[in-house]
């Protein structure tokens, strides 16, 4: 077998394994919009919004402006409701850093 064919076989196998890992991350995560209920203003800090699961670095991640009510972040399932209720217990520092007023 040629070296190029071996390389392609290995690259394909790695790609398939990575896709499976990303799918596992995605099913344990959720999109979370954090919006001030009084003003409707988005609370995801400028350039901190997500675009997909964390393992996917896409071109649109981090393009949001401050106050954008459509901006979202990806959080572990169940944390979005807590965050929107103002409960940041168990929320990672990285996620808190993405939200205005998070403590």
N, C-alpha and C. Protein backbone atom coordinates (compact mmCIF):
# COMPACT_ATOMS: atom_id res chain seq x y z
N UNK A 1 0.85 -1.18 0.00
CA UNK A 1 0.00 0.00 0.00
C UNK A 1 0.90 1.24 0.00
N UNK A 2 0.56 2.20 -0.83
CA UNK A 2 1.34 3.43 -0.90
C UNK A 2 1.21 4.22 0.40
N UNK A 3 2.23 5.03 0.69
CA UNK A 3 2.20 5.87 1.89
C UNK A 3 1.02 6.83 1.86
N UNK A 4 0.70 7.36 0.67
CA UNK A 4 -0.43 8.31 0.59
C UNK A 4 -1.75 7.63 0.91
N UNK A 5 -1.91 6.37 0.51
CA UNK A 5 -3.14 5.64 0.82
C UNK A 5 -3.24 5.35 2.32
N UNK A 6 -2.11 5.01 2.95
CA UNK A 6 -2.10 4.77 4.39
C UNK A 6 -2.47 6.06 5.11
N UNK A 7 -1.88 7.16 4.68
CA UNK A 7 -2.18 8.46 5.29
C UNK A 7 -3.67 8.77 5.19
N UNK A 8 -4.25 8.56 4.02
CA UNK A 8 -5.68 8.84 3.81
C UNK A 8 -6.54 7.95 4.70
N UNK A 9 -6.16 6.68 4.85
CA UNK A 9 -6.92 5.77 5.70
C UNK A 9 -6.87 6.21 7.16
N UNK A 10 -5.69 6.60 7.61
CA UNK A 10 -5.55 7.07 8.98
C UNK A 10 -6.32 8.37 9.19
N UNK A 11 -6.21 9.29 8.24
CA UNK A 11 -6.92 10.57 8.34
C UNK A 11 -8.43 10.35 8.39
N UNK A 12 -8.93 9.44 7.60
CA UNK A 12 -10.36 9.15 7.59
C UNK A 12 -10.80 8.57 8.93
N UNK A 13 -10.01 7.64 9.47
CA UNK A 13 -10.35 7.03 10.76
C UNK A 13 -10.36 8.07 11.87
N UNK A 14 -9.38 8.95 11.88
CA UNK A 14 -9.32 10.01 12.89
C UNK A 14 -10.52 10.94 12.75
N UNK A 15 -10.88 11.27 11.53
CA UNK A 15 -12.03 12.15 11.28
C UNK A 15 -13.32 11.53 11.80
N UNK A 16 -13.51 10.24 11.55
CA UNK A 16 -14.71 9.56 12.01
C UNK A 16 -14.75 9.53 13.54
N UNK A 17 -13.61 9.24 14.18
CA UNK A 17 -13.57 9.21 15.64
C UNK A 17 -13.85 10.59 16.21
N UNK A 18 -13.31 11.64 15.60
CA UNK A 18 -13.53 13.00 16.07
C UNK A 18 -14.99 13.38 15.93
N UNK A 19 -15.62 13.01 14.82
CA UNK A 19 -17.04 13.32 14.62
C UNK A 19 -17.89 12.65 15.69
N UNK A 20 -17.57 11.43 16.05
CA UNK A 20 -18.29 10.73 17.09
C UNK A 20 -18.12 11.43 18.43
N UNK A 21 -16.90 11.87 18.72
CA UNK A 21 -16.65 12.58 19.98
C UNK A 21 -17.45 13.88 20.02
N UNK A 22 -17.50 14.62 18.90
CA UNK A 22 -18.25 15.87 18.86
C UNK A 22 -19.74 15.61 19.08
N UNK A 23 -20.25 14.53 18.52
CA UNK A 23 -21.67 14.23 18.69
C UNK A 23 -21.97 13.94 20.16
N UNK A 24 -21.06 13.26 20.85
CA UNK A 24 -21.25 12.99 22.28
C UNK A 24 -21.28 14.29 23.07
N UNK A 25 -20.39 15.22 22.72
CA UNK A 25 -20.37 16.52 23.40
C UNK A 25 -21.69 17.23 23.14
N UNK A 26 -22.15 17.21 21.91
CA UNK A 26 -23.36 17.95 21.54
C UNK A 26 -24.59 17.45 22.28
N UNK A 27 -24.72 16.16 22.49
CA UNK A 27 -25.93 15.66 23.14
C UNK A 27 -25.96 15.99 24.63
N UNK A 28 -24.81 16.33 25.21
CA UNK A 28 -24.75 16.69 26.62
C UNK A 28 -24.75 18.20 26.82
N UNK A 29 -24.90 18.96 25.74
CA UNK A 29 -24.82 20.42 25.80
C UNK A 29 -26.10 21.03 25.24
N UNK A 30 -26.28 22.31 25.51
CA UNK A 30 -27.44 23.02 24.97
C UNK A 30 -27.08 24.46 24.66
N UNK A 31 -27.80 25.02 23.69
CA UNK A 31 -27.67 26.45 23.39
C UNK A 31 -28.34 27.23 24.51
N UNK A 32 -27.72 28.34 24.91
CA UNK A 32 -28.28 29.13 25.99
C UNK A 32 -28.23 30.61 25.66
N UNK A 33 -29.39 31.20 25.47
CA UNK A 33 -29.49 32.65 25.33
C UNK A 33 -29.71 33.21 26.73
N UNK A 34 -28.94 34.22 27.08
CA UNK A 34 -29.09 34.85 28.39
C UNK A 34 -29.55 36.28 28.14
N UNK A 35 -30.79 36.56 28.50
CA UNK A 35 -31.40 37.85 28.18
C UNK A 35 -32.00 38.46 29.45
N UNK A 36 -31.81 39.75 29.62
CA UNK A 36 -32.41 40.47 30.75
C UNK A 36 -33.91 40.49 30.54
N UNK A 37 -34.70 39.90 31.45
CA UNK A 37 -36.14 39.81 31.24
C UNK A 37 -36.84 41.18 31.26
N UNK A 38 -36.24 42.16 31.90
CA UNK A 38 -36.86 43.49 31.97
C UNK A 38 -36.64 44.30 30.71
N UNK A 39 -35.44 44.18 30.12
CA UNK A 39 -35.11 45.02 28.96
C UNK A 39 -35.06 44.26 27.64
N UNK A 40 -34.93 42.95 27.70
CA UNK A 40 -34.79 42.15 26.49
C UNK A 40 -33.38 42.20 25.92
N UNK A 41 -32.47 42.86 26.64
CA UNK A 41 -31.08 43.00 26.19
C UNK A 41 -30.33 41.70 26.44
N UNK A 42 -29.56 41.26 25.45
CA UNK A 42 -28.74 40.07 25.62
C UNK A 42 -27.61 40.31 26.60
N UNK A 43 -27.29 39.29 27.39
CA UNK A 43 -26.24 39.44 28.41
C UNK A 43 -24.97 38.65 28.10
N UNK A 44 -24.89 38.12 26.88
CA UNK A 44 -23.64 37.49 26.46
C UNK A 44 -22.69 38.62 26.08
N UNK A 45 -21.50 38.61 26.67
CA UNK A 45 -20.53 39.68 26.41
C UNK A 45 -20.13 39.71 24.94
N UNK A 46 -19.73 40.89 24.49
CA UNK A 46 -19.29 41.06 23.10
C UNK A 46 -18.18 40.06 22.77
N UNK A 47 -18.32 39.42 21.63
CA UNK A 47 -17.33 38.49 21.08
C UNK A 47 -17.13 37.24 21.93
N UNK A 48 -18.11 36.90 22.77
CA UNK A 48 -18.02 35.70 23.60
C UNK A 48 -19.08 34.66 23.22
N UNK A 49 -19.92 34.97 22.23
CA UNK A 49 -20.97 34.05 21.83
C UNK A 49 -20.43 32.82 21.13
N UNK A 50 -21.20 31.75 21.16
CA UNK A 50 -20.84 30.49 20.52
C UNK A 50 -21.47 30.41 19.14
N UNK A 51 -21.12 29.35 18.45
CA UNK A 51 -21.70 29.12 17.14
C UNK A 51 -22.08 27.67 16.95
N UNK A 52 -21.65 26.81 17.81
CA UNK A 52 -21.92 25.38 17.73
C UNK A 52 -21.36 24.71 18.96
N UNK A 53 -21.18 23.41 18.90
CA UNK A 53 -20.61 22.73 20.06
C UNK A 53 -19.18 23.18 20.26
N UNK A 54 -18.68 23.13 21.48
CA UNK A 54 -17.34 23.65 21.76
C UNK A 54 -16.25 23.06 20.89
N UNK A 55 -16.37 21.81 20.50
CA UNK A 55 -15.33 21.19 19.69
C UNK A 55 -15.28 21.76 18.27
N UNK A 56 -16.35 22.39 17.83
CA UNK A 56 -16.41 22.97 16.49
C UNK A 56 -16.05 24.44 16.57
N UNK A 57 -14.93 24.79 16.00
CA UNK A 57 -14.54 26.20 15.95
C UNK A 57 -14.96 26.71 14.57
N UNK A 58 -16.07 27.40 14.51
CA UNK A 58 -16.58 27.88 13.24
C UNK A 58 -16.33 29.37 13.10
N UNK A 59 -16.51 29.87 11.89
CA UNK A 59 -16.21 31.27 11.60
C UNK A 59 -17.09 32.26 12.35
N UNK A 60 -18.29 31.86 12.75
CA UNK A 60 -19.19 32.82 13.36
C UNK A 60 -19.03 32.94 14.87
N UNK A 61 -18.29 32.04 15.51
CA UNK A 61 -18.09 32.12 16.96
C UNK A 61 -17.38 33.41 17.32
N UNK A 62 -17.89 34.09 18.33
CA UNK A 62 -17.25 35.31 18.82
C UNK A 62 -17.53 36.55 18.00
N UNK A 63 -18.53 36.51 17.13
CA UNK A 63 -18.83 37.67 16.30
C UNK A 63 -19.96 38.53 16.85
N UNK A 64 -20.54 38.11 17.96
CA UNK A 64 -21.69 38.86 18.51
C UNK A 64 -21.26 40.19 19.11
N UNK A 65 -22.18 41.11 19.13
CA UNK A 65 -21.96 42.41 19.77
C UNK A 65 -22.61 42.38 21.16
N UNK A 66 -22.17 43.24 22.04
CA UNK A 66 -22.76 43.33 23.38
C UNK A 66 -24.24 43.70 23.24
N UNK A 67 -25.07 43.07 24.04
CA UNK A 67 -26.49 43.38 24.05
C UNK A 67 -27.31 42.63 23.01
N UNK A 68 -26.69 41.81 22.19
CA UNK A 68 -27.40 41.08 21.14
C UNK A 68 -28.30 40.01 21.78
N UNK A 69 -29.62 40.14 21.68
CA UNK A 69 -30.51 39.17 22.31
C UNK A 69 -30.51 37.81 21.62
N UNK A 70 -29.92 37.72 20.43
CA UNK A 70 -29.85 36.45 19.72
C UNK A 70 -28.55 35.70 19.97
N UNK A 71 -27.60 36.33 20.66
CA UNK A 71 -26.33 35.67 20.96
C UNK A 71 -26.58 34.54 21.96
N UNK A 72 -25.80 33.48 21.83
CA UNK A 72 -25.93 32.35 22.75
C UNK A 72 -24.56 31.76 23.05
N UNK A 73 -24.53 30.96 24.10
CA UNK A 73 -23.36 30.18 24.45
C UNK A 73 -23.79 28.73 24.56
N UNK A 74 -22.83 27.83 24.54
CA UNK A 74 -23.11 26.41 24.69
C UNK A 74 -22.76 26.03 26.13
N UNK A 75 -23.71 25.45 26.83
CA UNK A 75 -23.52 25.07 28.24
C UNK A 75 -23.96 23.62 28.44
N UNK A 76 -23.51 22.99 29.52
CA UNK A 76 -24.01 21.64 29.82
C UNK A 76 -25.52 21.67 30.01
N UNK A 77 -26.17 20.60 29.56
CA UNK A 77 -27.64 20.53 29.70
C UNK A 77 -28.05 20.77 31.13
N UNK A 78 -29.10 21.57 31.30
CA UNK A 78 -29.63 21.88 32.62
C UNK A 78 -29.11 23.17 33.21
N UNK A 79 -27.97 23.67 32.70
CA UNK A 79 -27.41 24.89 33.27
C UNK A 79 -28.06 26.16 32.74
N UNK A 80 -28.64 26.14 31.57
CA UNK A 80 -29.21 27.37 31.00
C UNK A 80 -30.32 27.93 31.89
N UNK A 81 -31.22 27.08 32.33
CA UNK A 81 -32.31 27.54 33.20
C UNK A 81 -31.76 28.12 34.49
N UNK A 82 -30.74 27.47 35.06
CA UNK A 82 -30.11 27.98 36.29
C UNK A 82 -29.49 29.35 36.04
N UNK A 83 -28.76 29.47 34.94
CA UNK A 83 -28.09 30.74 34.62
C UNK A 83 -29.12 31.85 34.47
N UNK A 84 -30.20 31.58 33.74
CA UNK A 84 -31.23 32.60 33.52
C UNK A 84 -31.99 32.94 34.80
N UNK A 85 -31.90 32.06 35.81
CA UNK A 85 -32.52 32.34 37.11
C UNK A 85 -31.52 33.03 38.04
N UNK A 86 -30.30 33.26 37.54
CA UNK A 86 -29.28 33.95 38.32
C UNK A 86 -28.46 33.04 39.23
N UNK A 87 -28.60 31.73 39.05
CA UNK A 87 -27.86 30.76 39.86
C UNK A 87 -26.64 30.28 39.08
N UNK A 88 -25.45 30.71 39.52
CA UNK A 88 -24.22 30.35 38.83
C UNK A 88 -23.44 29.27 39.56
N UNK A 89 -24.07 28.60 40.52
CA UNK A 89 -23.37 27.52 41.22
C UNK A 89 -23.12 26.37 40.24
N UNK A 90 -21.89 25.88 40.25
CA UNK A 90 -21.53 24.78 39.36
C UNK A 90 -21.23 25.19 37.94
N UNK A 91 -21.31 26.49 37.64
CA UNK A 91 -21.02 26.99 36.29
C UNK A 91 -19.53 27.29 36.20
N UNK A 92 -18.89 26.85 35.14
CA UNK A 92 -17.45 27.04 35.00
C UNK A 92 -17.08 28.52 34.87
N UNK A 93 -15.85 28.82 35.22
CA UNK A 93 -15.35 30.19 35.10
C UNK A 93 -15.39 30.66 33.65
N UNK A 94 -15.14 29.76 32.71
CA UNK A 94 -15.17 30.11 31.29
C UNK A 94 -16.57 30.56 30.86
N UNK A 95 -17.58 29.85 31.32
CA UNK A 95 -18.96 30.23 30.99
C UNK A 95 -19.32 31.54 31.67
N UNK A 96 -18.98 31.68 32.96
CA UNK A 96 -19.27 32.92 33.68
C UNK A 96 -18.61 34.11 32.99
N UNK A 97 -17.42 33.91 32.46
CA UNK A 97 -16.68 34.99 31.79
C UNK A 97 -17.41 35.46 30.52
N UNK A 98 -18.31 34.66 30.00
CA UNK A 98 -19.04 35.01 28.79
C UNK A 98 -20.32 35.81 29.07
N UNK A 99 -20.70 35.93 30.34
CA UNK A 99 -22.00 36.51 30.71
C UNK A 99 -21.81 37.75 31.56
N UNK A 100 -22.44 38.84 31.13
CA UNK A 100 -22.40 40.09 31.91
C UNK A 100 -23.05 39.87 33.27
N UNK A 101 -22.40 40.32 34.33
CA UNK A 101 -22.97 40.24 35.67
C UNK A 101 -22.86 38.90 36.36
N UNK A 102 -22.22 37.91 35.69
CA UNK A 102 -22.07 36.59 36.32
C UNK A 102 -21.05 36.68 37.44
N UNK A 103 -21.36 36.03 38.55
CA UNK A 103 -20.45 36.06 39.71
C UNK A 103 -19.96 34.69 40.05
